[in-house]
Amino acid sequence: MLDDPVPGTRGLPVEEVAEVLRSRGLRMTSQRERVLRAVARLVHGTPEEVSAMVNADGGSLMPPSTVYRNLDTLERIGAVSRTQLGKRAPSYHLASHGDHVHVVCSCCREVGEAPVDGARAFAAAVEEASGFVVDLRHMAVQGWCAECAPEVGHRSTWGVRSEER
């Protein structure tokens, strides 16, 4: 089971995560593997969603505190990334999921992804101007999705849509 690729990881075998854990004196427990697989299936899951998926996978029930501890460990070793998406609980996704910026609709609360390229230019400008280094892995941009923007009359970038620039 440890050699199976985790769904959604572009072929990253669980064994690679297990190797990283071992290199840090930790083990790939069945609980960690179940949490990792749940994160992979959810793509962007809150701890509560991860917990629900873990507890629906047919294994023994896992208390939420155990799910939180395993998410923390998997984040510390770089297997998963955590993003704070507005006022809701943090969202977890596989670190191997690819570079992207999270976009959250302020109207319908839909969470999506956008290419990180534009955000890299923003991060470089912030660092050049202030010395502050932006961690794009945890970045969530608030705005309005394509469906909600016309309804609420909002424009992107302080009133200018990208096609109007």
C-alpha atoms as a PDB file:
ATOM      1  CA  MET A   1       0.000   0.000   0.000  1.00  0.00           C
ATOM      2  CA  LEU A   2       2.862   2.420   0.672  1.00  0.00           C
ATOM      3  CA  ASP A   3       4.104   2.184  -2.913  1.00  0.00           C
ATOM      4  CA  ASP A   4       0.755   3.227  -4.392  1.00  0.00           C
ATOM      5  CA  PRO A   5       0.726   6.732  -5.804  1.00  0.00           C
ATOM      6  CA  VAL A   6      -1.474   9.046  -3.792  1.00  0.00           C
ATOM      7  CA  PRO A   7      -4.391  10.229  -5.971  1.00  0.00           C
ATOM      8  CA  GLY A   8      -3.897  13.819  -7.122  1.00  0.00           C
ATOM      9  CA  THR A   9      -0.155  13.954  -6.458  1.00  0.00           C
ATOM     10  CA  ARG A  10       1.078  13.512 -10.004  1.00  0.00           C
ATOM     11  CA  GLY A  11       2.474  10.107  -9.053  1.00  0.00           C
ATOM     12  CA  LEU A  12       4.159  11.011  -5.763  1.00  0.00           C
ATOM     13  CA  PRO A  13       4.341   7.663  -3.961  1.00  0.00           C
ATOM     14  CA  VAL A  14       3.431   7.591  -0.314  1.00  0.00           C
ATOM     15  CA  GLU A  15       6.800   5.885   0.163  1.00  0.00           C
ATOM     16  CA  GLU A  16       8.575   9.190  -0.621  1.00  0.00           C
ATOM     17  CA  VAL A  17       6.651  10.892   2.177  1.00  0.00           C
ATOM     18  CA  ALA A  18       7.481   7.927   4.418  1.00  0.00           C
ATOM     19  CA  GLU A  19      11.172   8.365   3.567  1.00  0.00           C
ATOM     20  CA  VAL A  20      11.084  12.050   4.527  1.00  0.00           C
ATOM     21  CA  LEU A  21       9.387  11.133   7.800  1.00  0.00           C
ATOM     22  CA  ARG A  22      12.036   8.480   8.531  1.00  0.00           C
ATOM     23  CA  SER A  23      14.833  10.954   7.775  1.00  0.00           C
ATOM     24  CA  ARG A  24      13.402  13.093  10.577  1.00  0.00           C
ATOM     25  CA  GLY A  25      13.072  10.227  13.022  1.00  0.00           C
ATOM     26  CA  LEU A  26       9.340   9.776  12.425  1.00  0.00           C
ATOM     27  CA  ARG A  27       7.245   6.931  11.003  1.00  0.00           C
ATOM     28  CA  MET A  28       4.588   6.718   8.316  1.00  0.00           C
ATOM     29  CA  THR A  29       1.838   5.446  10.576  1.00  0.00           C
ATOM     30  CA  SER A  30      -1.437   4.156   9.174  1.00  0.00           C
ATOM     31  CA  GLN A  31      -3.058   7.283  10.640  1.00  0.00           C
ATOM     32  CA  ARG A  32      -0.668   9.600   8.764  1.00  0.00           C
ATOM     33  CA  GLU A  33      -1.204   7.695   5.559  1.00  0.00           C
ATOM     34  CA  ARG A  34      -4.991   7.924   5.923  1.00  0.00           C
ATOM     35  CA  VAL A  35      -4.764  11.692   6.563  1.00  0.00           C
ATOM     36  CA  LEU A  36      -2.415  12.140   3.573  1.00  0.00           C
ATOM     37  CA  ARG A  37      -4.767  10.201   1.294  1.00  0.00           C
ATOM     38  CA  ALA A  38      -7.772  12.223   2.508  1.00  0.00           C
ATOM     39  CA  VAL A  39      -5.943  15.507   1.784  1.00  0.00           C
ATOM     40  CA  ALA A  40      -5.109  14.204  -1.705  1.00  0.00           C
ATOM     41  CA  ARG A  41      -8.717  13.280  -2.434  1.00  0.00           C
ATOM     42  CA  LEU A  42     -10.137  16.574  -1.130  1.00  0.00           C
ATOM     43  CA  VAL A  43      -7.641  18.832  -2.949  1.00  0.00           C
ATOM     44  CA  HIS A  44      -8.505  21.788  -0.640  1.00  0.00           C
ATOM     45  CA  GLY A  45      -9.891  20.369   2.588  1.00  0.00           C
ATOM     46  CA  THR A  46     -10.425  21.872   6.016  1.00  0.00           C
ATOM     47  CA  PRO A  47      -9.358  19.803   9.028  1.00  0.00           C
ATOM     48  CA  GLU A  48     -13.030  18.984   9.611  1.00  0.00           C
ATOM     49  CA  GLU A  49     -13.417  17.768   6.018  1.00  0.00           C
ATOM     50  CA  VAL A  50     -10.208  15.737   6.283  1.00  0.00           C
ATOM     51  CA  SER A  51     -11.451  14.229   9.539  1.00  0.00           C
ATOM     52  CA  ALA A  52     -14.807  13.315   7.982  1.00  0.00           C
ATOM     53  CA  MET A  53     -13.123  11.685   4.986  1.00  0.00           C
ATOM     54  CA  VAL A  54     -10.696   9.752   7.194  1.00  0.00           C
ATOM     55  CA  ASN A  55     -13.557   8.508   9.333  1.00  0.00           C
ATOM     56  CA  ALA A  56     -15.487   7.424   6.231  1.00  0.00           C
ATOM     57  CA  ASP A  57     -12.615   5.413   4.712  1.00  0.00           C
ATOM     58  CA  GLY A  58     -13.490   2.160   6.453  1.00  0.00           C
ATOM     59  CA  GLY A  59     -10.666   2.281   8.992  1.00  0.00           C
ATOM     60  CA  SER A  60     -11.009   2.793  12.702  1.00  0.00           C
ATOM     61  CA  LEU A  61     -12.416   6.136  13.832  1.00  0.00           C
ATOM     62  CA  MET A  62      -9.812   8.846  14.332  1.00  0.00           C
ATOM     63  CA  PRO A  63     -10.387  11.699  16.805  1.00  0.00           C
ATOM     64  CA  PRO A  64     -10.135  15.228  15.351  1.00  0.00           C
ATOM     65  CA  SER A  65      -7.125  15.951  17.592  1.00  0.00           C
ATOM     66  CA  THR A  66      -5.238  13.088  15.904  1.00  0.00           C
ATOM     67  CA  VAL A  67      -6.130  14.447  12.467  1.00  0.00           C
ATOM     68  CA  TYR A  68      -4.869  17.921  13.486  1.00  0.00           C
ATOM     69  CA  ARG A  69      -1.591  16.497  14.848  1.00  0.00           C
ATOM     70  CA  ASN A  70      -1.001  14.518  11.658  1.00  0.00           C
ATOM     71  CA  LEU A  71      -1.806  17.515   9.452  1.00  0.00           C
ATOM     72  CA  ASP A  72       0.704  19.534  11.487  1.00  0.00           C
ATOM     73  CA  THR A  73       3.399  16.870  11.071  1.00  0.00           C
ATOM     74  CA  LEU A  74       2.734  16.486   7.336  1.00  0.00           C
ATOM     75  CA  GLU A  75       2.927  20.270   6.938  1.00  0.00           C
ATOM     76  CA  ARG A  76       6.198  20.494   8.907  1.00  0.00           C
ATOM     77  CA  ILE A  77       7.873  17.933   6.624  1.00  0.00           C
ATOM     78  CA  GLY A  78       6.570  19.668   3.489  1.00  0.00           C
ATOM     79  CA  ALA A  79       4.111  16.986   2.326  1.00  0.00           C
ATOM     80  CA  VAL A  80       1.059  19.239   2.668  1.00  0.00           C
ATOM     81  CA  SER A  81       0.544  22.991   2.575  1.00  0.00           C
ATOM     82  CA  ARG A  82      -1.879  25.013   4.682  1.00  0.00           C
ATOM     83  CA  THR A  83      -3.623  28.145   3.459  1.00  0.00           C
ATOM     84  CA  GLN A  84      -5.913  30.450   5.399  1.00  0.00           C
ATOM     85  CA  LEU A  85      -8.819  31.099   3.042  1.00  0.00           C
ATOM     86  CA  GLY A  86     -10.539  34.108   4.524  1.00  0.00           C
ATOM     87  CA  LYS A  87     -12.483  33.618   7.736  1.00  0.00           C
ATOM     88  CA  ARG A  88     -13.062  29.890   7.327  1.00  0.00           C
ATOM     89  CA  ALA A  89     -10.882  27.144   8.755  1.00  0.00           C
ATOM     90  CA  PRO A  90      -7.485  26.662   7.111  1.00  0.00           C
ATOM     91  CA  SER A  91      -7.385  24.590   3.947  1.00  0.00           C
ATOM     92  CA  TYR A  92      -4.868  21.819   3.314  1.00  0.00           C
ATOM     93  CA  HIS A  93      -3.622  20.491   0.001  1.00  0.00           C
ATOM     94  CA  LEU A  94      -0.712  18.372  -1.127  1.00  0.00           C
ATOM     95  CA  ALA A  95       2.484  20.362  -1.508  1.00  0.00           C
ATOM     96  CA  SER A  96       3.052  18.524  -4.795  1.00  0.00           C
ATOM     97  CA  HIS A  97      -0.300  19.818  -6.075  1.00  0.00           C
ATOM     98  CA  GLY A  98       1.586  22.478  -7.999  1.00  0.00           C
ATOM     99  CA  ASP A  99       2.240  26.178  -7.676  1.00  0.00           C
ATOM    100  CA  HIS A 100      -0.950  28.198  -7.542  1.00  0.00           C
ATOM    101  CA  VAL A 101      -2.586  31.020  -5.672  1.00  0.00           C
ATOM    102  CA  HIS A 102      -5.916  30.451  -3.976  1.00  0.00           C
ATOM    103  CA  VAL A 103      -8.747  32.759  -4.999  1.00  0.00           C
ATOM    104  CA  VAL A 104     -11.806  33.111  -2.776  1.00  0.00           C
ATOM    105  CA  CYS A 105     -15.045  34.722  -3.927  1.00  0.00           C
ATOM    106  CA  SER A 106     -16.215  37.258  -1.357  1.00  0.00           C
ATOM    107  CA  CYS A 107     -19.813  36.708  -2.469  1.00  0.00           C
ATOM    108  CA  CYS A 108     -20.385  32.931  -2.871  1.00  0.00           C
ATOM    109  CA  ARG A 109     -17.241  31.802  -0.946  1.00  0.00           C
ATOM    110  CA  GLU A 110     -16.178  29.535  -3.836  1.00  0.00           C
ATOM    111  CA  VAL A 111     -12.476  28.619  -3.649  1.00  0.00           C
ATOM    112  CA  GLY A 112     -10.460  28.299  -6.836  1.00  0.00           C
ATOM    113  CA  GLU A 113      -6.917  28.411  -8.100  1.00  0.00           C
ATOM    114  CA  ALA A 114      -5.054  30.873 -10.289  1.00  0.00           C
ATOM    115  CA  PRO A 115      -1.604  30.572 -11.885  1.00  0.00           C
ATOM    116  CA  VAL A 116       1.143  31.773  -9.575  1.00  0.00           C
ATOM    117  CA  ASP A 117       3.045  33.735 -12.252  1.00  0.00           C
ATOM    118  CA  GLY A 118       1.357  37.094 -11.599  1.00  0.00           C
ATOM    119  CA  ALA A 119       1.687  36.584  -7.868  1.00  0.00           C
ATOM    120  CA  ARG A 120       5.438  36.030  -8.252  1.00  0.00           C
ATOM    121  CA  ALA A 121       5.770  39.492  -9.794  1.00  0.00           C
ATOM    122  CA  PHE A 122       3.739  40.908  -6.900  1.00  0.00           C
ATOM    123  CA  ALA A 123       5.911  39.058  -4.340  1.00  0.00           C
ATOM    124  CA  ALA A 124       9.097  40.342  -5.982  1.00  0.00           C
ATOM    125  CA  ALA A 125       7.778  43.930  -5.943  1.00  0.00           C
ATOM    126  CA  VAL A 126       6.841  43.657  -2.257  1.00  0.00           C
ATOM    127  CA  GLU A 127      10.274  42.275  -1.387  1.00  0.00           C
ATOM    128  CA  GLU A 128      12.079  44.956  -3.388  1.00  0.00           C
ATOM    129  CA  ALA A 129      10.033  47.752  -1.819  1.00  0.00           C
ATOM    130  CA  SER A 130      10.050  46.574   1.786  1.00  0.00           C
ATOM    131  CA  GLY A 131      12.355  43.598   2.237  1.00  0.00           C
ATOM    132  CA  PHE A 132       9.318  41.491   3.174  1.00  0.00           C
ATOM    133  CA  VAL A 133       9.390  38.003   1.639  1.00  0.00           C
ATOM    134  CA  VAL A 134       5.925  36.761   0.637  1.00  0.00           C
ATOM    135  CA  ASP A 135       5.204  33.052   1.117  1.00  0.00           C
ATOM    136  CA  LEU A 136       3.033  32.348  -1.917  1.00  0.00           C
ATOM    137  CA  ARG A 137       2.221  28.839  -0.692  1.00  0.00           C
ATOM    138  CA  HIS A 138      -0.094  30.377   1.887  1.00  0.00           C
ATOM    139  CA  MET A 139      -1.531  33.185  -0.198  1.00  0.00           C
ATOM    140  CA  ALA A 140      -5.277  33.571  -0.700  1.00  0.00           C
ATOM    141  CA  VAL A 141      -6.677  36.412  -2.770  1.00  0.00           C
ATOM    142  CA  GLN A 142     -10.161  37.735  -2.012  1.00  0.00           C
ATOM    143  CA  GLY A 143     -12.314  39.008  -4.848  1.00  0.00           C
ATOM    144  CA  TRP A 144     -15.281  37.986  -6.967  1.00  0.00           C
ATOM    145  CA  CYS A 145     -15.607  34.950  -9.207  1.00  0.00           C
ATOM    146  CA  ALA A 146     -16.674  35.339 -12.849  1.00  0.00           C
ATOM    147  CA  GLU A 147     -20.250  34.473 -11.929  1.00  0.00           C
ATOM    148  CA  CYS A 148     -20.610  36.884  -8.985  1.00  0.00           C
ATOM    149  CA  ALA A 149     -18.617  39.901 -10.251  1.00  0.00           C
ATOM    150  CA  PRO A 150     -21.308  41.152 -12.669  1.00  0.00           C
ATOM    151  CA  GLU A 151     -24.045  40.625 -10.055  1.00  0.00           C
ATOM    152  CA  VAL A 152     -22.335  42.715  -7.392  1.00  0.00           C
ATOM    153  CA  GLY A 153     -20.927  45.276  -9.830  1.00  0.00           C
ATOM    154  CA  HIS A 154     -17.320  44.922  -8.665  1.00  0.00           C
ATOM    155  CA  ARG A 155     -14.302  45.381 -10.847  1.00  0.00           C
ATOM    156  CA  SER A 156     -10.931  43.762 -10.357  1.00  0.00           C
ATOM    157  CA  THR A 157      -7.800  45.650  -9.277  1.00  0.00           C
ATOM    158  CA  TRP A 158      -9.546  48.606  -7.702  1.00  0.00           C
ATOM    159  CA  GLY A 159     -12.013  49.122 -10.518  1.00  0.00           C
ATOM    160  CA  VAL A 160     -10.166  47.992 -13.633  1.00  0.00           C
ATOM    161  CA  ARG A 161     -10.773  44.585 -15.200  1.00  0.00           C
ATOM    162  CA  SER A 162      -7.740  42.966 -16.775  1.00  0.00           C
ATOM    163  CA  GLU A 163      -9.176  43.384 -20.306  1.00  0.00           C
ATOM    164  CA  GLU A 164      -9.615  47.157 -19.711  1.00  0.00           C
ATOM    165  CA  ARG A 165      -5.994  47.797 -18.713  1.00  0.00           C
END
